[in-house]
């Protein structure tokens, strides 16, 4: 099989830590003295719309956190949300090496709210590594739906067989494979990513 001409990567869990996952929300509940079960229930009712870009940040926060008076500000809470993000520096360095070969186009496919998506792209310089961001908040559809993968392929004008997708969740990998993408599960480790890329014939230098 020929090496891929396009490499699609997930952001949270592959390039960076997850942005606003269960762990981050638990930390927020502890930090701001929130009832975790109540906020999880409220989050669960809103998160799909939030990640599809159908719900603005203020509306999400109003429903999940600020449905009653709080002794902290919206700005404090948003700063905390942003601060949960960390780079997987070794993975990003590997991505830079792949980019520098000029042999593979790089793009992301990820589920993320608009606020965090745009913050993380800028904060970690992802716009210097990837040519396109197929984010749920822009496309109005979330992984593992086939539509998000088909949209990414259509926009980049590439056949599924010519692309490789890496994600940290099995269900998203399964979704990608249903449209013919080569796809593998990866958990934010450069050594595992190196093995997958070398096995697929991607040049690393």
C-alpha atoms as a PDB file:
ATOM      1  CA  UNK A   1       0.000   0.000   0.000  1.00  0.00           C
ATOM      2  CA  UNK A   2       1.307   3.455  -0.927  1.00  0.00           C
ATOM      3  CA  UNK A   3       2.196   5.900   1.846  1.00  0.00           C
ATOM      4  CA  UNK A   4      -0.593   8.337   2.760  1.00  0.00           C
ATOM      5  CA  UNK A   5      -0.570  11.787   1.197  1.00  0.00           C
ATOM      6  CA  UNK A   6      -2.682  13.249   4.002  1.00  0.00           C
ATOM      7  CA  UNK A   7      -2.373  12.732   7.749  1.00  0.00           C
ATOM      8  CA  UNK A   8      -5.396  13.618   9.890  1.00  0.00           C
ATOM      9  CA  UNK A   9      -4.819  13.904  13.651  1.00  0.00           C
ATOM     10  CA  UNK A  10      -7.142  14.327  16.588  1.00  0.00           C
ATOM     11  CA  UNK A  11      -6.209  17.264  18.822  1.00  0.00           C
ATOM     12  CA  UNK A  12      -7.306  16.409  22.385  1.00  0.00           C
ATOM     13  CA  UNK A  13      -5.661  13.177  23.485  1.00  0.00           C
ATOM     14  CA  UNK A  14      -3.159  13.119  20.604  1.00  0.00           C
ATOM     15  CA  UNK A  15      -1.539  16.522  20.043  1.00  0.00           C
ATOM     16  CA  UNK A  16      -2.696  18.051  23.324  1.00  0.00           C
ATOM     17  CA  UNK A  17      -4.366  16.935  26.499  1.00  0.00           C
ATOM     18  CA  UNK A  18      -8.143  16.828  26.372  1.00  0.00           C
ATOM     19  CA  UNK A  19      -9.553  20.299  26.764  1.00  0.00           C
ATOM     20  CA  UNK A  20     -12.786  20.027  28.748  1.00  0.00           C
ATOM     21  CA  UNK A  21     -13.170  16.377  29.639  1.00  0.00           C
ATOM     22  CA  UNK A  22     -14.452  14.575  32.728  1.00  0.00           C
ATOM     23  CA  UNK A  23     -11.154  15.090  34.562  1.00  0.00           C
ATOM     24  CA  UNK A  24     -11.064  18.839  33.855  1.00  0.00           C
ATOM     25  CA  UNK A  25     -14.690  19.220  34.937  1.00  0.00           C
ATOM     26  CA  UNK A  26     -13.961  17.352  38.171  1.00  0.00           C
ATOM     27  CA  UNK A  27     -11.036  19.693  38.814  1.00  0.00           C
ATOM     28  CA  UNK A  28     -13.315  22.668  38.167  1.00  0.00           C
ATOM     29  CA  UNK A  29     -15.888  21.343  40.632  1.00  0.00           C
ATOM     30  CA  UNK A  30     -13.184  21.037  43.290  1.00  0.00           C
ATOM     31  CA  UNK A  31     -11.630  24.418  42.532  1.00  0.00           C
ATOM     32  CA  UNK A  32     -14.904  26.368  42.468  1.00  0.00           C
ATOM     33  CA  UNK A  33     -16.820  24.301  45.034  1.00  0.00           C
ATOM     34  CA  UNK A  34     -19.467  23.114  42.580  1.00  0.00           C
ATOM     35  CA  UNK A  35     -21.799  20.165  42.968  1.00  0.00           C
ATOM     36  CA  UNK A  36     -20.068  17.841  40.512  1.00  0.00           C
ATOM     37  CA  UNK A  37     -23.058  15.572  39.901  1.00  0.00           C
ATOM     38  CA  UNK A  38     -25.314  18.527  39.197  1.00  0.00           C
ATOM     39  CA  UNK A  39     -22.869  20.197  36.819  1.00  0.00           C
ATOM     40  CA  UNK A  40     -22.239  16.876  35.038  1.00  0.00           C
ATOM     41  CA  UNK A  41     -25.956  16.429  34.518  1.00  0.00           C
ATOM     42  CA  UNK A  42     -26.267  19.945  33.156  1.00  0.00           C
ATOM     43  CA  UNK A  43     -23.149  19.519  30.988  1.00  0.00           C
ATOM     44  CA  UNK A  44     -24.507  16.260  29.586  1.00  0.00           C
ATOM     45  CA  UNK A  45     -27.640  18.021  28.390  1.00  0.00           C
ATOM     46  CA  UNK A  46     -25.665  20.673  26.508  1.00  0.00           C
ATOM     47  CA  UNK A  47     -22.250  19.399  25.440  1.00  0.00           C
ATOM     48  CA  UNK A  48     -23.205  18.002  22.015  1.00  0.00           C
ATOM     49  CA  UNK A  49     -24.719  21.336  20.956  1.00  0.00           C
ATOM     50  CA  UNK A  50     -21.743  23.154  22.500  1.00  0.00           C
ATOM     51  CA  UNK A  51     -19.231  21.110  20.509  1.00  0.00           C
ATOM     52  CA  UNK A  52     -21.269  21.372  17.300  1.00  0.00           C
ATOM     53  CA  UNK A  53     -21.087  25.159  17.536  1.00  0.00           C
ATOM     54  CA  UNK A  54     -24.839  25.506  18.077  1.00  0.00           C
ATOM     55  CA  UNK A  55     -24.433  26.949  21.565  1.00  0.00           C
ATOM     56  CA  UNK A  56     -22.335  29.966  22.484  1.00  0.00           C
ATOM     57  CA  UNK A  57     -19.972  29.831  25.453  1.00  0.00           C
ATOM     58  CA  UNK A  58     -22.076  32.252  27.490  1.00  0.00           C
ATOM     59  CA  UNK A  59     -25.179  30.116  26.991  1.00  0.00           C
ATOM     60  CA  UNK A  60     -23.308  26.960  27.968  1.00  0.00           C
ATOM     61  CA  UNK A  61     -21.893  28.561  31.105  1.00  0.00           C
ATOM     62  CA  UNK A  62     -25.229  30.089  32.026  1.00  0.00           C
ATOM     63  CA  UNK A  63     -26.845  26.653  31.968  1.00  0.00           C
ATOM     64  CA  UNK A  64     -24.035  24.575  33.485  1.00  0.00           C
ATOM     65  CA  UNK A  65     -22.412  26.916  36.026  1.00  0.00           C
ATOM     66  CA  UNK A  66     -24.023  30.339  36.342  1.00  0.00           C
ATOM     67  CA  UNK A  67     -27.649  29.302  36.751  1.00  0.00           C
ATOM     68  CA  UNK A  68     -27.273  30.773  40.236  1.00  0.00           C
ATOM     69  CA  UNK A  69     -25.080  33.477  41.727  1.00  0.00           C
ATOM     70  CA  UNK A  70     -21.460  32.419  42.199  1.00  0.00           C
ATOM     71  CA  UNK A  71     -18.630  33.948  44.264  1.00  0.00           C
ATOM     72  CA  UNK A  72     -16.377  33.863  41.195  1.00  0.00           C
ATOM     73  CA  UNK A  73     -16.567  35.508  37.799  1.00  0.00           C
ATOM     74  CA  UNK A  74     -17.175  34.128  34.323  1.00  0.00           C
ATOM     75  CA  UNK A  75     -13.637  35.262  33.405  1.00  0.00           C
ATOM     76  CA  UNK A  76     -12.115  33.268  36.269  1.00  0.00           C
ATOM     77  CA  UNK A  77     -13.964  30.159  35.182  1.00  0.00           C
ATOM     78  CA  UNK A  78     -13.049  30.544  31.504  1.00  0.00           C
ATOM     79  CA  UNK A  79      -9.396  31.064  32.446  1.00  0.00           C
ATOM     80  CA  UNK A  80      -9.570  27.812  34.390  1.00  0.00           C
ATOM     81  CA  UNK A  81     -11.103  25.985  31.395  1.00  0.00           C
ATOM     82  CA  UNK A  82      -8.309  27.213  29.137  1.00  0.00           C
ATOM     83  CA  UNK A  83      -5.650  26.382  31.681  1.00  0.00           C
ATOM     84  CA  UNK A  84      -6.429  22.649  31.607  1.00  0.00           C
ATOM     85  CA  UNK A  85      -4.782  22.362  28.189  1.00  0.00           C
ATOM     86  CA  UNK A  86      -1.230  21.062  27.887  1.00  0.00           C
ATOM     87  CA  UNK A  87       0.822  20.149  24.841  1.00  0.00           C
ATOM     88  CA  UNK A  88       2.128  16.680  24.127  1.00  0.00           C
ATOM     89  CA  UNK A  89       5.420  18.286  23.165  1.00  0.00           C
ATOM     90  CA  UNK A  90       7.007  15.103  21.817  1.00  0.00           C
ATOM     91  CA  UNK A  91       4.054  14.496  19.513  1.00  0.00           C
ATOM     92  CA  UNK A  92       4.066  18.091  18.244  1.00  0.00           C
ATOM     93  CA  UNK A  93       7.780  17.810  17.547  1.00  0.00           C
ATOM     94  CA  UNK A  94       7.122  14.666  15.531  1.00  0.00           C
ATOM     95  CA  UNK A  95       4.387  16.504  13.620  1.00  0.00           C
ATOM     96  CA  UNK A  96       6.885  19.265  12.837  1.00  0.00           C
ATOM     97  CA  UNK A  97       9.306  16.705  11.449  1.00  0.00           C
ATOM     98  CA  UNK A  98       6.607  15.257   9.212  1.00  0.00           C
ATOM     99  CA  UNK A  99       5.601  18.746   8.053  1.00  0.00           C
ATOM    100  CA  UNK A 100       9.187  19.634   7.233  1.00  0.00           C
ATOM    101  CA  UNK A 101       9.524  16.687   4.840  1.00  0.00           C
ATOM    102  CA  UNK A 102       6.884  18.266   2.615  1.00  0.00           C
ATOM    103  CA  UNK A 103       5.614  14.826   1.636  1.00  0.00           C
ATOM    104  CA  UNK A 104       2.354  14.732   3.631  1.00  0.00           C
ATOM    105  CA  UNK A 105      -0.434  17.268   4.084  1.00  0.00           C
ATOM    106  CA  UNK A 106      -1.487  17.718   7.716  1.00  0.00           C
ATOM    107  CA  UNK A 107      -4.945  18.489   9.082  1.00  0.00           C
ATOM    108  CA  UNK A 108      -6.950  17.854  12.236  1.00  0.00           C
ATOM    109  CA  UNK A 109     -10.359  16.279  12.813  1.00  0.00           C
ATOM    110  CA  UNK A 110     -11.600  16.979  16.318  1.00  0.00           C
ATOM    111  CA  UNK A 111     -14.607  17.512  18.565  1.00  0.00           C
ATOM    112  CA  UNK A 112     -14.241  20.836  20.349  1.00  0.00           C
ATOM    113  CA  UNK A 113     -16.206  23.904  21.359  1.00  0.00           C
ATOM    114  CA  UNK A 114     -15.369  27.071  19.421  1.00  0.00           C
ATOM    115  CA  UNK A 115     -13.812  28.870  22.386  1.00  0.00           C
ATOM    116  CA  UNK A 116     -11.421  26.083  23.285  1.00  0.00           C
ATOM    117  CA  UNK A 117     -10.718  25.157  19.679  1.00  0.00           C
ATOM    118  CA  UNK A 118      -9.601  28.667  18.758  1.00  0.00           C
ATOM    119  CA  UNK A 119      -7.709  29.169  22.008  1.00  0.00           C
ATOM    120  CA  UNK A 120      -5.796  25.909  21.628  1.00  0.00           C
ATOM    121  CA  UNK A 121      -4.931  26.515  17.971  1.00  0.00           C
ATOM    122  CA  UNK A 122      -3.395  29.867  18.869  1.00  0.00           C
ATOM    123  CA  UNK A 123      -1.870  28.952  22.230  1.00  0.00           C
ATOM    124  CA  UNK A 124       0.030  25.943  20.912  1.00  0.00           C
ATOM    125  CA  UNK A 125       0.811  27.188  17.405  1.00  0.00           C
ATOM    126  CA  UNK A 126      -1.198  24.481  15.689  1.00  0.00           C
ATOM    127  CA  UNK A 127      -1.862  26.814  12.773  1.00  0.00           C
ATOM    128  CA  UNK A 128       1.846  26.603  11.968  1.00  0.00           C
ATOM    129  CA  UNK A 129       1.656  22.815  11.705  1.00  0.00           C
ATOM    130  CA  UNK A 130      -1.720  22.052  10.090  1.00  0.00           C
ATOM    131  CA  UNK A 131      -3.241  23.435   6.926  1.00  0.00           C
ATOM    132  CA  UNK A 132      -6.874  22.808   7.927  1.00  0.00           C
ATOM    133  CA  UNK A 133      -8.967  22.234  11.061  1.00  0.00           C
ATOM    134  CA  UNK A 134     -12.052  20.079  10.605  1.00  0.00           C
ATOM    135  CA  UNK A 135     -13.554  20.884  13.978  1.00  0.00           C
ATOM    136  CA  UNK A 136     -17.044  19.951  15.101  1.00  0.00           C
ATOM    137  CA  UNK A 137     -17.737  23.567  16.112  1.00  0.00           C
ATOM    138  CA  UNK A 138     -17.189  24.699  12.504  1.00  0.00           C
ATOM    139  CA  UNK A 139     -18.852  21.810  10.688  1.00  0.00           C
ATOM    140  CA  UNK A 140     -21.860  21.229  12.949  1.00  0.00           C
ATOM    141  CA  UNK A 141     -21.155  17.505  13.215  1.00  0.00           C
ATOM    142  CA  UNK A 142     -19.139  15.451  15.706  1.00  0.00           C
ATOM    143  CA  UNK A 143     -17.007  12.353  15.438  1.00  0.00           C
ATOM    144  CA  UNK A 144     -17.670   9.477  14.998  1.00  0.00           C
ATOM    145  CA  UNK A 145     -20.251  10.566  12.392  1.00  0.00           C
ATOM    146  CA  UNK A 146     -19.218   9.595   8.875  1.00  0.00           C
ATOM    147  CA  UNK A 147     -20.097  13.101   7.688  1.00  0.00           C
ATOM    148  CA  UNK A 148     -17.190  14.818   9.444  1.00  0.00           C
ATOM    149  CA  UNK A 149     -14.713  12.434   7.807  1.00  0.00           C
ATOM    150  CA  UNK A 150     -16.324  12.720   4.388  1.00  0.00           C
ATOM    151  CA  UNK A 151     -16.270  16.515   4.649  1.00  0.00           C
ATOM    152  CA  UNK A 152     -12.553  16.514   5.473  1.00  0.00           C
ATOM    153  CA  UNK A 153     -11.813  14.257   2.505  1.00  0.00           C
ATOM    154  CA  UNK A 154     -13.979  16.310   0.145  1.00  0.00           C
ATOM    155  CA  UNK A 155     -12.449  19.655   1.159  1.00  0.00           C
ATOM    156  CA  UNK A 156      -8.894  18.382   0.742  1.00  0.00           C
ATOM    157  CA  UNK A 157      -9.913  16.533  -2.440  1.00  0.00           C
ATOM    158  CA  UNK A 158      -8.292  13.293  -1.352  1.00  0.00           C
ATOM    159  CA  UNK A 159      -9.475   9.707  -1.593  1.00  0.00           C
ATOM    160  CA  UNK A 160      -9.973   7.920   1.729  1.00  0.00           C
ATOM    161  CA  UNK A 161      -7.414   5.282   0.775  1.00  0.00           C
ATOM    162  CA  UNK A 162      -4.745   7.993   0.498  1.00  0.00           C
ATOM    163  CA  UNK A 163      -5.232   9.318   4.037  1.00  0.00           C
ATOM    164  CA  UNK A 164      -4.339   8.155   7.551  1.00  0.00           C
ATOM    165  CA  UNK A 165      -6.238   9.193  10.694  1.00  0.00           C
ATOM    166  CA  UNK A 166      -4.996   8.911  14.289  1.00  0.00           C
ATOM    167  CA  UNK A 167      -7.298   9.328  17.303  1.00  0.00           C
ATOM    168  CA  UNK A 168      -7.240   8.338  20.964  1.00  0.00           C
ATOM    169  CA  UNK A 169     -10.784   6.886  20.936  1.00  0.00           C
ATOM    170  CA  UNK A 170     -11.705   3.560  19.416  1.00  0.00           C
ATOM    171  CA  UNK A 171     -15.198   4.701  18.408  1.00  0.00           C
ATOM    172  CA  UNK A 172     -13.760   7.543  16.318  1.00  0.00           C
ATOM    173  CA  UNK A 173     -11.337   5.201  14.608  1.00  0.00           C
ATOM    174  CA  UNK A 174     -14.235   2.881  13.778  1.00  0.00           C
ATOM    175  CA  UNK A 175     -16.158   5.847  12.351  1.00  0.00           C
ATOM    176  CA  UNK A 176     -13.218   6.810  10.164  1.00  0.00           C
ATOM    177  CA  UNK A 177     -12.824   3.270   8.877  1.00  0.00           C
ATOM    178  CA  UNK A 178     -16.454   3.170   7.755  1.00  0.00           C
ATOM    179  CA  UNK A 179     -15.617   5.734   5.056  1.00  0.00           C
ATOM    180  CA  UNK A 180     -12.478   3.857   4.004  1.00  0.00           C
ATOM    181  CA  UNK A 181      -9.864   5.817   5.929  1.00  0.00           C
ATOM    182  CA  UNK A 182      -6.848   4.052   7.284  1.00  0.00           C
ATOM    183  CA  UNK A 183      -7.162   4.748  10.999  1.00  0.00           C
ATOM    184  CA  UNK A 184      -5.361   3.783  14.196  1.00  0.00           C
ATOM    185  CA  UNK A 185      -5.828   4.387  17.914  1.00  0.00           C
ATOM    186  CA  UNK A 186      -3.111   6.526  19.503  1.00  0.00           C
ATOM    187  CA  UNK A 187      -2.746   7.820  23.062  1.00  0.00           C
ATOM    188  CA  UNK A 188      -0.511  10.898  22.874  1.00  0.00           C
ATOM    189  CA  UNK A 189       2.799   9.037  22.715  1.00  0.00           C
ATOM    190  CA  UNK A 190       5.413   9.960  20.129  1.00  0.00           C
ATOM    191  CA  UNK A 191       7.024   6.514  20.150  1.00  0.00           C
ATOM    192  CA  UNK A 192       3.731   4.814  19.288  1.00  0.00           C
ATOM    193  CA  UNK A 193       3.002   7.446  16.662  1.00  0.00           C
ATOM    194  CA  UNK A 194       6.449   6.984  15.144  1.00  0.00           C
ATOM    195  CA  UNK A 195       5.837   3.257  14.847  1.00  0.00           C
ATOM    196  CA  UNK A 196       2.481   3.792  13.131  1.00  0.00           C
ATOM    197  CA  UNK A 197       3.837   6.398  10.729  1.00  0.00           C
ATOM    198  CA  UNK A 198       6.890   4.377   9.803  1.00  0.00           C
ATOM    199  CA  UNK A 199       4.665   1.338   9.264  1.00  0.00           C
ATOM    200  CA  UNK A 200       2.504   3.396   6.901  1.00  0.00           C
ATOM    201  CA  UNK A 201       5.542   4.615   4.976  1.00  0.00           C
ATOM    202  CA  UNK A 202       5.411   8.241   6.132  1.00  0.00           C
ATOM    203  CA  UNK A 203       8.762  10.005   5.885  1.00  0.00           C
ATOM    204  CA  UNK A 204       9.939  11.428   9.210  1.00  0.00           C
ATOM    205  CA  UNK A 205      13.039  13.249   8.028  1.00  0.00           C
END
